[in-house]
Amino acid sequence: MSPAQADSWLAATPTVQVLDVRTTEEFADGHLAKATLIPWTDKDFAVRAAKELDLRKPVLVYCRSGRRSTEAAGALGKLGFSEVRNLAGGILAWQQAGKPVHKPAPPPR
């Protein structure tokens, strides 16, 4: 789904789980609000997803450009998640559309 569609869906569906499948470093550079990080490249991706996410609630999955999240969305479907949607173009498209990105505050000095 496009960034505009995803933004509308997130606003209309408060139970959506937002899943970021990028690396820890990418996540630290900025992510969608309320995102859970489970890197697609982790060996235990499926185990963590089944444990940390609710199978009965919808999931919006994204990565940097859309490749990893497309693969992760397919894996989530095989795990039994009822509604999985992929953010087309990833966080890059989200940012290009002017959508907000959460950046953690820098550590105190």
C-alpha atoms as a PDB file:
ATOM      1  CA  MET A   1       0.000   0.000   0.000  1.00  0.00           C
ATOM      2  CA  SER A   2       1.134   3.548  -0.670  1.00  0.00           C
ATOM      3  CA  PRO A   3       2.294   5.855   2.118  1.00  0.00           C
ATOM      4  CA  ALA A   4      -0.976   7.826   1.872  1.00  0.00           C
ATOM      5  CA  GLN A   5      -3.041   4.630   2.105  1.00  0.00           C
ATOM      6  CA  ALA A   6      -0.934   3.371   5.010  1.00  0.00           C
ATOM      7  CA  ASP A   7      -1.259   6.680   6.858  1.00  0.00           C
ATOM      8  CA  SER A   8      -5.055   6.618   6.465  1.00  0.00           C
ATOM      9  CA  TRP A   9      -5.226   2.948   7.487  1.00  0.00           C
ATOM     10  CA  LEU A  10      -3.111   3.588  10.595  1.00  0.00           C
ATOM     11  CA  ALA A  11      -5.374   6.467  11.604  1.00  0.00           C
ATOM     12  CA  ALA A  12      -8.567   4.449  11.028  1.00  0.00           C
ATOM     13  CA  THR A  13      -7.347   1.180  12.573  1.00  0.00           C
ATOM     14  CA  PRO A  14      -5.980   1.718  16.089  1.00  0.00           C
ATOM     15  CA  THR A  15      -5.196  -1.982  16.549  1.00  0.00           C
ATOM     16  CA  VAL A  16      -2.609  -2.050  13.719  1.00  0.00           C
ATOM     17  CA  GLN A  17       0.776  -3.389  14.743  1.00  0.00           C
ATOM     18  CA  VAL A  18       3.602  -1.590  12.959  1.00  0.00           C
ATOM     19  CA  LEU A  19       6.548  -3.866  12.199  1.00  0.00           C
ATOM     20  CA  ASP A  20       9.942  -2.538  11.131  1.00  0.00           C
ATOM     21  CA  VAL A  21      12.086  -5.306   9.623  1.00  0.00           C
ATOM     22  CA  ARG A  22      15.246  -3.233   9.063  1.00  0.00           C
ATOM     23  CA  THR A  23      18.452  -3.471  11.082  1.00  0.00           C
ATOM     24  CA  THR A  24      18.884  -2.036  14.563  1.00  0.00           C
ATOM     25  CA  GLU A  25      21.068   0.724  13.117  1.00  0.00           C
ATOM     26  CA  GLU A  26      18.486   1.678  10.487  1.00  0.00           C
ATOM     27  CA  PHE A  27      15.762   1.707  13.142  1.00  0.00           C
ATOM     28  CA  ALA A  28      17.824   4.069  15.314  1.00  0.00           C
ATOM     29  CA  ASP A  29      18.025   6.540  12.397  1.00  0.00           C
ATOM     30  CA  GLY A  30      14.243   6.942  12.502  1.00  0.00           C
ATOM     31  CA  HIS A  31      11.118   4.820  12.308  1.00  0.00           C
ATOM     32  CA  LEU A  32       7.342   4.970  12.154  1.00  0.00           C
ATOM     33  CA  ALA A  33       5.568   5.745  15.413  1.00  0.00           C
ATOM     34  CA  LYS A  34       4.849   2.745  17.633  1.00  0.00           C
ATOM     35  CA  ALA A  35       6.976   0.454  15.457  1.00  0.00           C
ATOM     36  CA  THR A  36       8.256  -2.846  16.777  1.00  0.00           C
ATOM     37  CA  LEU A  37      11.686  -3.830  15.493  1.00  0.00           C
ATOM     38  CA  ILE A  38      12.221  -7.424  14.396  1.00  0.00           C
ATOM     39  CA  PRO A  39      14.982  -7.484  11.768  1.00  0.00           C
ATOM     40  CA  TRP A  40      14.163  -9.690   8.778  1.00  0.00           C
ATOM     41  CA  THR A  41      17.780 -10.845   8.682  1.00  0.00           C
ATOM     42  CA  ASP A  42      17.631 -12.270  12.222  1.00  0.00           C
ATOM     43  CA  LYS A  43      17.640 -16.073  12.284  1.00  0.00           C
ATOM     44  CA  ASP A  44      14.805 -16.065  14.801  1.00  0.00           C
ATOM     45  CA  PHE A  45      12.530 -13.662  12.856  1.00  0.00           C
ATOM     46  CA  ALA A  46       9.576 -16.084  12.689  1.00  0.00           C
ATOM     47  CA  VAL A  47       9.865 -17.088  16.348  1.00  0.00           C
ATOM     48  CA  ARG A  48      10.058 -13.475  17.521  1.00  0.00           C
ATOM     49  CA  ALA A  49       7.201 -12.349  15.277  1.00  0.00           C
ATOM     50  CA  ALA A  50       4.949 -15.132  16.579  1.00  0.00           C
ATOM     51  CA  LYS A  51       5.864 -14.262  20.164  1.00  0.00           C
ATOM     52  CA  GLU A  52       5.908 -10.449  20.034  1.00  0.00           C
ATOM     53  CA  LEU A  53       2.948  -9.785  17.723  1.00  0.00           C
ATOM     54  CA  ASP A  54      -0.724 -10.725  17.984  1.00  0.00           C
ATOM     55  CA  LEU A  55      -1.812 -13.048  15.144  1.00  0.00           C
ATOM     56  CA  ARG A  56      -5.358 -11.676  15.333  1.00  0.00           C
ATOM     57  CA  LYS A  57      -4.421  -8.018  14.842  1.00  0.00           C
ATOM     58  CA  PRO A  58      -3.522  -6.386  11.523  1.00  0.00           C
ATOM     59  CA  VAL A  59       0.133  -5.697  10.732  1.00  0.00           C
ATOM     60  CA  LEU A  60       1.766  -2.988   8.631  1.00  0.00           C
ATOM     61  CA  VAL A  61       5.275  -4.132   7.741  1.00  0.00           C
ATOM     62  CA  TYR A  62       7.992  -1.939   6.251  1.00  0.00           C
ATOM     63  CA  CYS A  63      11.712  -1.740   5.611  1.00  0.00           C
ATOM     64  CA  ARG A  64      13.933   0.784   3.828  1.00  0.00           C
ATOM     65  CA  SER A  65      12.701   0.351   0.256  1.00  0.00           C
ATOM     66  CA  GLY A  66      10.138  -2.472   0.292  1.00  0.00           C
ATOM     67  CA  ARG A  67      12.160  -5.574  -0.634  1.00  0.00           C
ATOM     68  CA  ARG A  68      12.713  -7.044   2.840  1.00  0.00           C
ATOM     69  CA  SER A  69       9.214  -6.135   3.992  1.00  0.00           C
ATOM     70  CA  THR A  70       7.676  -7.907   0.988  1.00  0.00           C
ATOM     71  CA  GLU A  71       9.500 -11.096   1.989  1.00  0.00           C
ATOM     72  CA  ALA A  72       8.643 -10.602   5.670  1.00  0.00           C
ATOM     73  CA  ALA A  73       4.959 -10.022   4.846  1.00  0.00           C
ATOM     74  CA  GLY A  74       4.862 -13.356   3.022  1.00  0.00           C
ATOM     75  CA  ALA A  75       6.465 -15.083   6.009  1.00  0.00           C
ATOM     76  CA  LEU A  76       3.928 -13.505   8.375  1.00  0.00           C
ATOM     77  CA  GLY A  77       1.085 -14.785   6.212  1.00  0.00           C
ATOM     78  CA  LYS A  78       2.524 -18.304   6.435  1.00  0.00           C
ATOM     79  CA  LEU A  79       2.716 -17.930  10.220  1.00  0.00           C
ATOM     80  CA  GLY A  80      -1.040 -17.345  10.287  1.00  0.00           C
ATOM     81  CA  PHE A  81      -1.310 -13.575  10.619  1.00  0.00           C
ATOM     82  CA  SER A  82      -4.774 -12.707   9.362  1.00  0.00           C
ATOM     83  CA  GLU A  83      -4.124  -9.281   7.838  1.00  0.00           C
ATOM     84  CA  VAL A  84      -0.669  -8.171   6.696  1.00  0.00           C
ATOM     85  CA  ARG A  85      -0.042  -5.106   4.572  1.00  0.00           C
ATOM     86  CA  ASN A  86       3.257  -3.953   3.134  1.00  0.00           C
ATOM     87  CA  LEU A  87       4.317  -0.310   2.874  1.00  0.00           C
ATOM     88  CA  ALA A  88       5.256   0.055  -0.795  1.00  0.00           C
ATOM     89  CA  GLY A  89       8.603   1.789  -1.186  1.00  0.00           C
ATOM     90  CA  GLY A  90       9.381   1.434   2.506  1.00  0.00           C
ATOM     91  CA  ILE A  91      10.358   4.242   4.821  1.00  0.00           C
ATOM     92  CA  LEU A  92      12.022   6.047   1.901  1.00  0.00           C
ATOM     93  CA  ALA A  93       8.648   6.458   0.179  1.00  0.00           C
ATOM     94  CA  TRP A  94       7.046   7.353   3.524  1.00  0.00           C
ATOM     95  CA  GLN A  95       9.556  10.175   4.046  1.00  0.00           C
ATOM     96  CA  GLN A  96       9.309  11.348   0.416  1.00  0.00           C
ATOM     97  CA  ALA A  97       5.548  11.653   0.968  1.00  0.00           C
ATOM     98  CA  GLY A  98       6.237  13.979   3.902  1.00  0.00           C
ATOM     99  CA  LYS A  99       4.982  11.539   6.529  1.00  0.00           C
ATOM    100  CA  PRO A 100       6.374  11.750  10.069  1.00  0.00           C
ATOM    101  CA  VAL A 101       9.295   9.663  11.280  1.00  0.00           C
ATOM    102  CA  HIS A 102      10.079   9.172  14.956  1.00  0.00           C
ATOM    103  CA  LYS A 103      13.701   9.792  15.833  1.00  0.00           C
ATOM    104  CA  PRO A 104      14.820   8.897  19.328  1.00  0.00           C
ATOM    105  CA  ALA A 105      16.229  11.721  21.418  1.00  0.00           C
ATOM    106  CA  PRO A 106      20.017  11.775  21.553  1.00  0.00           C
ATOM    107  CA  PRO A 107      21.504  10.464  24.789  1.00  0.00           C
ATOM    108  CA  PRO A 108      22.204  13.123  27.423  1.00  0.00           C
ATOM    109  CA  ARG A 109      25.743  14.503  27.515  1.00  0.00           C
END
